[in-house]
Amino acid sequence: MRGLTRLLVAGVTVPAAAQAAEGAARQDTSGVFVWVFLGVCALIVVAQLVPAILMAIGAARGIAQGLQHPEEQEAKTR
């Protein structure tokens, strides 16, 4: 009896949920210019990230070099 009840509940709720999801789905009417604009924005963001990452790596190297013992720093400068 429990299995039949679960089957009936699933049979009622799954189609109702699918219909609600279908009605709530937003249609994308964006034209090609919107996608080109978004692509240019993404390109700008990536172009700004590259120098930021390189500066972070350089700062980390500088900090790591500053943490070395004075004897090791003198040996590198000679």
PDB file of N, CA and C in Angstrom:
ATOM      1  N   MET A   1       0.823  -1.183   0.000  1.00  0.00           N
ATOM      2  CA  MET A   1       0.000   0.000   0.000  1.00  0.00           C
ATOM      3  C   MET A   1       0.879   1.265   0.000  1.00  0.00           C
ATOM      4  N   ARG A   2       1.990   1.236   0.755  1.00  0.00           N
ATOM      5  CA  ARG A   2       2.860   2.410   0.803  1.00  0.00           C
ATOM      6  C   ARG A   2       3.499   2.676  -0.560  1.00  0.00           C
ATOM      7  N   GLY A   3       3.880   1.631  -1.239  1.00  0.00           N
ATOM      8  CA  GLY A   3       4.493   1.785  -2.554  1.00  0.00           C
ATOM      9  C   GLY A   3       3.530   2.418  -3.544  1.00  0.00           C
ATOM     10  N   LEU A   4       2.252   2.004  -3.472  1.00  0.00           N
ATOM     11  CA  LEU A   4       1.239   2.568  -4.358  1.00  0.00           C
ATOM     12  C   LEU A   4       1.024   4.049  -4.041  1.00  0.00           C
ATOM     13  N   THR A   5       1.048   4.398  -2.772  1.00  0.00           N
ATOM     14  CA  THR A   5       0.865   5.799  -2.375  1.00  0.00           C
ATOM     15  C   THR A   5       2.027   6.647  -2.894  1.00  0.00           C
ATOM     16  N   ARG A   6       3.234   6.143  -2.739  1.00  0.00           N
ATOM     17  CA  ARG A   6       4.403   6.878  -3.229  1.00  0.00           C
ATOM     18  C   ARG A   6       4.347   7.038  -4.747  1.00  0.00           C
ATOM     19  N   LEU A   7       3.925   6.029  -5.426  1.00  0.00           N
ATOM     20  CA  LEU A   7       3.817   6.088  -6.880  1.00  0.00           C
ATOM     21  C   LEU A   7       2.776   7.115  -7.305  1.00  0.00           C
ATOM     22  N   LEU A   8       1.655   7.153  -6.611  1.00  0.00           N
ATOM     23  CA  LEU A   8       0.608   8.125  -6.939  1.00  0.00           C
ATOM     24  C   LEU A   8       1.062   9.549  -6.647  1.00  0.00           C
ATOM     25  N   VAL A   9       1.756   9.746  -5.516  1.00  0.00           N
ATOM     26  CA  VAL A   9       2.240  11.080  -5.174  1.00  0.00           C
ATOM     27  C   VAL A   9       3.266  11.541  -6.205  1.00  0.00           C
ATOM     28  N   ALA A  10       4.169  10.662  -6.587  1.00  0.00           N
ATOM     29  CA  ALA A  10       5.169  11.010  -7.596  1.00  0.00           C
ATOM     30  C   ALA A  10       4.504  11.284  -8.942  1.00  0.00           C
ATOM     31  N   GLY A  11       3.474  10.524  -9.267  1.00  0.00           N
ATOM     32  CA  GLY A  11       2.771  10.716 -10.533  1.00  0.00           C
ATOM     33  C   GLY A  11       2.035  12.039 -10.596  1.00  0.00           C
ATOM     34  N   VAL A  12       1.682  12.583  -9.453  1.00  0.00           N
ATOM     35  CA  VAL A  12       0.973  13.868  -9.433  1.00  0.00           C
ATOM     36  C   VAL A  12       1.957  15.031  -9.355  1.00  0.00           C
ATOM     37  N   THR A  13       3.000  14.892  -8.555  1.00  0.00           N
ATOM     38  CA  THR A  13       3.893  16.029  -8.322  1.00  0.00           C
ATOM     39  C   THR A  13       4.908  16.256  -9.444  1.00  0.00           C
ATOM     40  N   VAL A  14       5.394  15.213 -10.049  1.00  0.00           N
ATOM     41  CA  VAL A  14       6.421  15.385 -11.089  1.00  0.00           C
ATOM     42  C   VAL A  14       5.876  16.141 -12.296  1.00  0.00           C
ATOM     43  N   PRO A  15       4.733  15.783 -12.853  1.00  0.00           N
ATOM     44  CA  PRO A  15       4.223  16.578 -13.985  1.00  0.00           C
ATOM     45  C   PRO A  15       3.874  18.014 -13.588  1.00  0.00           C
ATOM     46  N   ALA A  16       3.382  18.209 -12.374  1.00  0.00           N
ATOM     47  CA  ALA A  16       3.059  19.565 -11.931  1.00  0.00           C
ATOM     48  C   ALA A  16       4.330  20.399 -11.811  1.00  0.00           C
ATOM     49  N   ALA A  17       5.386  19.816 -11.286  1.00  0.00           N
ATOM     50  CA  ALA A  17       6.649  20.537 -11.163  1.00  0.00           C
ATOM     51  C   ALA A  17       7.245  20.834 -12.531  1.00  0.00           C
ATOM     52  N   ALA A  18       7.135  19.902 -13.446  1.00  0.00           N
ATOM     53  CA  ALA A  18       7.660  20.124 -14.793  1.00  0.00           C
ATOM     54  C   ALA A  18       6.899  21.242 -15.495  1.00  0.00           C
ATOM     55  N   GLN A  19       5.615  21.286 -15.303  1.00  0.00           N
ATOM     56  CA  GLN A  19       4.809  22.334 -15.923  1.00  0.00           C
ATOM     57  C   GLN A  19       5.132  23.697 -15.309  1.00  0.00           C
ATOM     58  N   ALA A  20       5.346  23.745 -14.012  1.00  0.00           N
ATOM     59  CA  ALA A  20       5.694  25.001 -13.354  1.00  0.00           C
ATOM     60  C   ALA A  20       7.066  25.484 -13.815  1.00  0.00           C
ATOM     61  N   ALA A  21       8.011  24.567 -13.967  1.00  0.00           N
ATOM     62  CA  ALA A  21       9.342  24.940 -14.421  1.00  0.00           C
ATOM     63  C   ALA A  21       9.309  25.434 -15.856  1.00  0.00           C
ATOM     64  N   GLU A  22       8.466  24.840 -16.670  1.00  0.00           N
ATOM     65  CA  GLU A  22       8.357  25.248 -18.063  1.00  0.00           C
ATOM     66  C   GLU A  22       7.778  26.652 -18.162  1.00  0.00           C
ATOM     67  N   GLY A  23       6.819  26.931 -17.324  1.00  0.00           N
ATOM     68  CA  GLY A  23       6.210  28.252 -17.349  1.00  0.00           C
ATOM     69  C   GLY A  23       7.128  29.323 -16.787  1.00  0.00           C
ATOM     70  N   ALA A  24       7.988  28.961 -15.870  1.00  0.00           N
ATOM     71  CA  ALA A  24       8.887  29.923 -15.242  1.00  0.00           C
ATOM     72  C   ALA A  24      10.156  30.152 -16.056  1.00  0.00           C
ATOM     73  N   ALA A  25      10.398  29.348 -17.066  1.00  0.00           N
ATOM     74  CA  ALA A  25      11.619  29.480 -17.861  1.00  0.00           C
ATOM     75  C   ALA A  25      11.580  30.796 -18.630  1.00  0.00           C
ATOM     76  N   ARG A  26      12.723  31.494 -18.604  1.00  0.00           N
ATOM     77  CA  ARG A  26      12.823  32.779 -19.285  1.00  0.00           C
ATOM     78  C   ARG A  26      13.354  32.539 -20.693  1.00  0.00           C
ATOM     79  N   GLN A  27      12.737  33.176 -21.643  1.00  0.00           N
ATOM     80  CA  GLN A  27      13.210  33.033 -23.009  1.00  0.00           C
ATOM     81  C   GLN A  27      14.295  34.062 -23.261  1.00  0.00           C
ATOM     82  N   ASP A  28      15.355  33.633 -23.928  1.00  0.00           N
ATOM     83  CA  ASP A  28      16.475  34.511 -24.217  1.00  0.00           C
ATOM     84  C   ASP A  28      16.255  35.156 -25.577  1.00  0.00           C
ATOM     85  N   THR A  29      16.003  36.455 -25.581  1.00  0.00           N
ATOM     86  CA  THR A  29      15.795  37.173 -26.834  1.00  0.00           C
ATOM     87  C   THR A  29      16.949  38.125 -27.106  1.00  0.00           C
ATOM     88  N   SER A  30      18.112  37.864 -26.505  1.00  0.00           N
ATOM     89  CA  SER A  30      19.268  38.729 -26.699  1.00  0.00           C
ATOM     90  C   SER A  30      19.792  38.576 -28.115  1.00  0.00           C
ATOM     91  N   GLY A  31      20.096  39.711 -28.698  1.00  0.00           N
ATOM     92  CA  GLY A  31      20.630  39.698 -30.051  1.00  0.00           C
ATOM     93  C   GLY A  31      22.127  39.491 -30.050  1.00  0.00           C
ATOM     94  N   VAL A  32      22.702  39.514 -31.224  1.00  0.00           N
ATOM     95  CA  VAL A  32      24.134  39.268 -31.374  1.00  0.00           C
ATOM     96  C   VAL A  32      24.939  40.408 -30.748  1.00  0.00           C
ATOM     97  N   PHE A  33      24.402  41.618 -30.743  1.00  0.00           N
ATOM     98  CA  PHE A  33      25.145  42.749 -30.173  1.00  0.00           C
ATOM     99  C   PHE A  33      25.310  42.615 -28.663  1.00  0.00           C
ATOM    100  N   VAL A  34      24.338  42.042 -28.002  1.00  0.00           N
ATOM    101  CA  VAL A  34      24.452  41.807 -26.566  1.00  0.00           C
ATOM    102  C   VAL A  34      25.569  40.818 -26.292  1.00  0.00           C
ATOM    103  N   TRP A  35      25.644  39.761 -27.084  1.00  0.00           N
ATOM    104  CA  TRP A  35      26.686  38.759 -26.875  1.00  0.00           C
ATOM    105  C   TRP A  35      28.063  39.307 -27.220  1.00  0.00           C
ATOM    106  N   VAL A  36      28.158  40.166 -28.227  1.00  0.00           N
ATOM    107  CA  VAL A  36      29.440  40.794 -28.552  1.00  0.00           C
ATOM    108  C   VAL A  36      29.867  41.710 -27.415  1.00  0.00           C
ATOM    109  N   PHE A  37      28.919  42.473 -26.867  1.00  0.00           N
ATOM    110  CA  PHE A  37      29.224  43.355 -25.737  1.00  0.00           C
ATOM    111  C   PHE A  37      29.713  42.548 -24.537  1.00  0.00           C
ATOM    112  N   LEU A  38      29.044  41.459 -24.212  1.00  0.00           N
ATOM    113  CA  LEU A  38      29.466  40.623 -23.090  1.00  0.00           C
ATOM    114  C   LEU A  38      30.837  40.010 -23.340  1.00  0.00           C
ATOM    115  N   GLY A  39      31.119  39.640 -24.575  1.00  0.00           N
ATOM    116  CA  GLY A  39      32.428  39.098 -24.922  1.00  0.00           C
ATOM    117  C   GLY A  39      33.532  40.127 -24.740  1.00  0.00           C
ATOM    118  N   VAL A  40      33.275  41.372 -25.144  1.00  0.00           N
ATOM    119  CA  VAL A  40      34.261  42.435 -24.969  1.00  0.00           C
ATOM    120  C   VAL A  40      34.489  42.700 -23.487  1.00  0.00           C
ATOM    121  N   CYS A  41      33.416  42.693 -22.707  1.00  0.00           N
ATOM    122  CA  CYS A  41      33.554  42.882 -21.253  1.00  0.00           C
ATOM    123  C   CYS A  41      34.410  41.776 -20.642  1.00  0.00           C
ATOM    124  N   ALA A  42      34.186  40.541 -21.052  1.00  0.00           N
ATOM    125  CA  ALA A  42      34.978  39.422 -20.536  1.00  0.00           C
ATOM    126  C   ALA A  42      36.439  39.565 -20.951  1.00  0.00           C
ATOM    127  N   LEU A  43      36.665  40.036 -22.158  1.00  0.00           N
ATOM    128  CA  LEU A  43      38.036  40.236 -22.633  1.00  0.00           C
ATOM    129  C   LEU A  43      38.755  41.304 -21.813  1.00  0.00           C
ATOM    130  N   ILE A  44      38.053  42.357 -21.457  1.00  0.00           N
ATOM    131  CA  ILE A  44      38.642  43.413 -20.631  1.00  0.00           C
ATOM    132  C   ILE A  44      38.991  42.867 -19.247  1.00  0.00           C
ATOM    133  N   VAL A  45      38.110  42.082 -18.676  1.00  0.00           N
ATOM    134  CA  VAL A  45      38.363  41.518 -17.346  1.00  0.00           C
ATOM    135  C   VAL A  45      39.586  40.611 -17.383  1.00  0.00           C
ATOM    136  N   VAL A  46      39.686  39.760 -18.379  1.00  0.00           N
ATOM    137  CA  VAL A  46      40.836  38.859 -18.491  1.00  0.00           C
ATOM    138  C   VAL A  46      42.113  39.654 -18.709  1.00  0.00           C
ATOM    139  N   ALA A  47      42.041  40.708 -19.525  1.00  0.00           N
ATOM    140  CA  ALA A  47      43.225  41.525 -19.787  1.00  0.00           C
ATOM    141  C   ALA A  47      43.690  42.238 -18.519  1.00  0.00           C
ATOM    142  N   GLN A  48      42.804  42.535 -17.605  1.00  0.00           N
ATOM    143  CA  GLN A  48      43.185  43.169 -16.353  1.00  0.00           C
ATOM    144  C   GLN A  48      43.697  42.159 -15.328  1.00  0.00           C
ATOM    145  N   LEU A  49      43.267  40.922 -15.445  1.00  0.00           N
ATOM    146  CA  LEU A  49      43.703  39.898 -14.500  1.00  0.00           C
ATOM    147  C   LEU A  49      45.145  39.460 -14.733  1.00  0.00           C
ATOM    148  N   VAL A  50      45.588  39.443 -15.974  1.00  0.00           N
ATOM    149  CA  VAL A  50      46.939  38.964 -16.283  1.00  0.00           C
ATOM    150  C   VAL A  50      47.999  39.811 -15.586  1.00  0.00           C
ATOM    151  N   PRO A  51      48.004  41.145 -15.711  1.00  0.00           N
ATOM    152  CA  PRO A  51      49.022  41.924 -14.988  1.00  0.00           C
ATOM    153  C   PRO A  51      48.886  41.814 -13.468  1.00  0.00           C
ATOM    154  N   ALA A  52      47.661  41.702 -12.982  1.00  0.00           N
ATOM    155  CA  ALA A  52      47.465  41.571 -11.537  1.00  0.00           C
ATOM    156  C   ALA A  52      48.083  40.280 -11.015  1.00  0.00           C
ATOM    157  N   ILE A  53      47.924  39.213 -11.741  1.00  0.00           N
ATOM    158  CA  ILE A  53      48.509  37.926 -11.335  1.00  0.00           C
ATOM    159  C   ILE A  53      50.036  38.003 -11.390  1.00  0.00           C
ATOM    160  N   LEU A  54      50.566  38.622 -12.449  1.00  0.00           N
ATOM    161  CA  LEU A  54      52.026  38.747 -12.554  1.00  0.00           C
ATOM    162  C   LEU A  54      52.592  39.600 -11.424  1.00  0.00           C
ATOM    163  N   MET A  55      51.890  40.658 -11.037  1.00  0.00           N
ATOM    164  CA  MET A  55      52.357  41.483  -9.921  1.00  0.00           C
ATOM    165  C   MET A  55      52.297  40.712  -8.607  1.00  0.00           C
ATOM    166  N   ALA A  56      51.270  39.902  -8.421  1.00  0.00           N
ATOM    167  CA  ALA A  56      51.162  39.108  -7.194  1.00  0.00           C
ATOM    168  C   ALA A  56      52.296  38.095  -7.113  1.00  0.00           C
ATOM    169  N   ILE A  57      52.639  37.496  -8.234  1.00  0.00           N
ATOM    170  CA  ILE A  57      53.755  36.542  -8.245  1.00  0.00           C
ATOM    171  C   ILE A  57      55.065  37.261  -7.924  1.00  0.00           C
ATOM    172  N   GLY A  58      55.271  38.448  -8.514  1.00  0.00           N
ATOM    173  CA  GLY A  58      56.483  39.217  -8.232  1.00  0.00           C
ATOM    174  C   GLY A  58      56.560  39.629  -6.770  1.00  0.00           C
ATOM    175  N   ALA A  59      55.438  40.027  -6.195  1.00  0.00           N
ATOM    176  CA  ALA A  59      55.428  40.405  -4.778  1.00  0.00           C
ATOM    177  C   ALA A  59      55.740  39.204  -3.899  1.00  0.00           C
ATOM    178  N   ALA A  60      55.197  38.062  -4.244  1.00  0.00           N
ATOM    179  CA  ALA A  60      55.464  36.859  -3.452  1.00  0.00           C
ATOM    180  C   ALA A  60      56.942  36.476  -3.532  1.00  0.00           C
ATOM    181  N   ARG A  61      57.523  36.618  -4.719  1.00  0.00           N
ATOM    182  CA  ARG A  61      58.960  36.325  -4.851  1.00  0.00           C
ATOM    183  C   ARG A  61      59.789  37.305  -4.035  1.00  0.00           C
ATOM    184  N   GLY A  62      59.411  38.580  -4.050  1.00  0.00           N
ATOM    185  CA  GLY A  62      60.133  39.584  -3.279  1.00  0.00           C
ATOM    186  C   GLY A  62      60.042  39.328  -1.786  1.00  0.00           C
ATOM    187  N   ILE A  63      58.867  38.947  -1.333  1.00  0.00           N
ATOM    188  CA  ILE A  63      58.696  38.632   0.083  1.00  0.00           C
ATOM    189  C   ILE A  63      59.522  37.405   0.458  1.00  0.00           C
ATOM    190  N   ALA A  64      59.479  36.386  -0.408  1.00  0.00           N
ATOM    191  CA  ALA A  64      60.249  35.165  -0.130  1.00  0.00           C
ATOM    192  C   ALA A  64      61.744  35.466  -0.111  1.00  0.00           C
ATOM    193  N   GLN A  65      62.192  36.348  -0.988  1.00  0.00           N
ATOM    194  CA  GLN A  65      63.612  36.701  -1.015  1.00  0.00           C
ATOM    195  C   GLN A  65      63.983  37.503   0.228  1.00  0.00           C
ATOM    196  N   GLY A  66      63.074  38.329   0.725  1.00  0.00           N
ATOM    197  CA  GLY A  66      63.337  39.107   1.916  1.00  0.00           C
ATOM    198  C   GLY A  66      63.372  38.267   3.172  1.00  0.00           C
ATOM    199  N   LEU A  67      62.787  37.105   3.147  1.00  0.00           N
ATOM    200  CA  LEU A  67      62.749  36.231   4.314  1.00  0.00           C
ATOM    201  C   LEU A  67      63.970  35.328   4.422  1.00  0.00           C
ATOM    202  N   GLN A  68      64.841  35.351   3.422  1.00  0.00           N
ATOM    203  CA  GLN A  68      66.023  34.507   3.468  1.00  0.00           C
ATOM    204  C   GLN A  68      67.011  35.045   4.499  1.00  0.00           C
ATOM    205  N   HIS A  69      67.925  34.196   4.910  1.00  0.00           N
ATOM    206  CA  HIS A  69      68.959  34.594   5.869  1.00  0.00           C
ATOM    207  C   HIS A  69      69.903  35.610   5.220  1.00  0.00           C
ATOM    208  N   PRO A  70      70.475  36.510   5.993  1.00  0.00           N
ATOM    209  CA  PRO A  70      71.387  37.524   5.425  1.00  0.00           C
ATOM    210  C   PRO A  70      72.576  36.914   4.690  1.00  0.00           C
ATOM    211  N   GLU A  71      73.069  35.761   5.149  1.00  0.00           N
ATOM    212  CA  GLU A  71      74.206  35.135   4.473  1.00  0.00           C
ATOM    213  C   GLU A  71      73.829  34.707   3.057  1.00  0.00           C
ATOM    214  N   GLU A  72      72.608  34.192   2.899  1.00  0.00           N
ATOM    215  CA  GLU A  72      72.166  33.759   1.574  1.00  0.00           C
ATOM    216  C   GLU A  72      71.962  34.959   0.662  1.00  0.00           C
ATOM    217  N   GLN A  73      71.500  36.096   1.197  1.00  0.00           N
ATOM    218  CA  GLN A  73      71.299  37.283   0.391  1.00  0.00           C
ATOM    219  C   GLN A  73      72.638  37.835  -0.087  1.00  0.00           C
ATOM    220  N   GLU A  74      73.657  37.829   0.785  1.00  0.00           N
ATOM    221  CA  GLU A  74      74.978  38.322   0.401  1.00  0.00           C
ATOM    222  C   GLU A  74      75.588  37.439  -0.680  1.00  0.00           C
ATOM    223  N   ALA A  75      75.375  36.131  -0.573  1.00  0.00           N
ATOM    224  CA  ALA A  75      75.924  35.213  -1.571  1.00  0.00           C
ATOM    225  C   ALA A  75      75.290  35.444  -2.938  1.00  0.00           C
ATOM    226  N   LYS A  76      74.027  35.813  -2.963  1.00  0.00           N
ATOM    227  CA  LYS A  76      73.360  36.057  -4.251  1.00  0.00           C
ATOM    228  C   LYS A  76      73.789  37.372  -4.872  1.00  0.00           C
ATOM    229  N   THR A  77      74.142  38.362  -4.059  1.00  0.00           N
ATOM    230  CA  THR A  77      74.531  39.651  -4.610  1.00  0.00           C
ATOM    231  C   THR A  77      75.968  39.662  -5.121  1.00  0.00           C
ATOM    232  N   ARG A  78      76.794  38.722  -4.723  1.00  0.00           N
ATOM    233  CA  ARG A  78      78.195  38.673  -5.174  1.00  0.00           C
ATOM    234  C   ARG A  78      78.308  38.089  -6.527  1.00  0.00           C
TER     235      ARG A  78
END
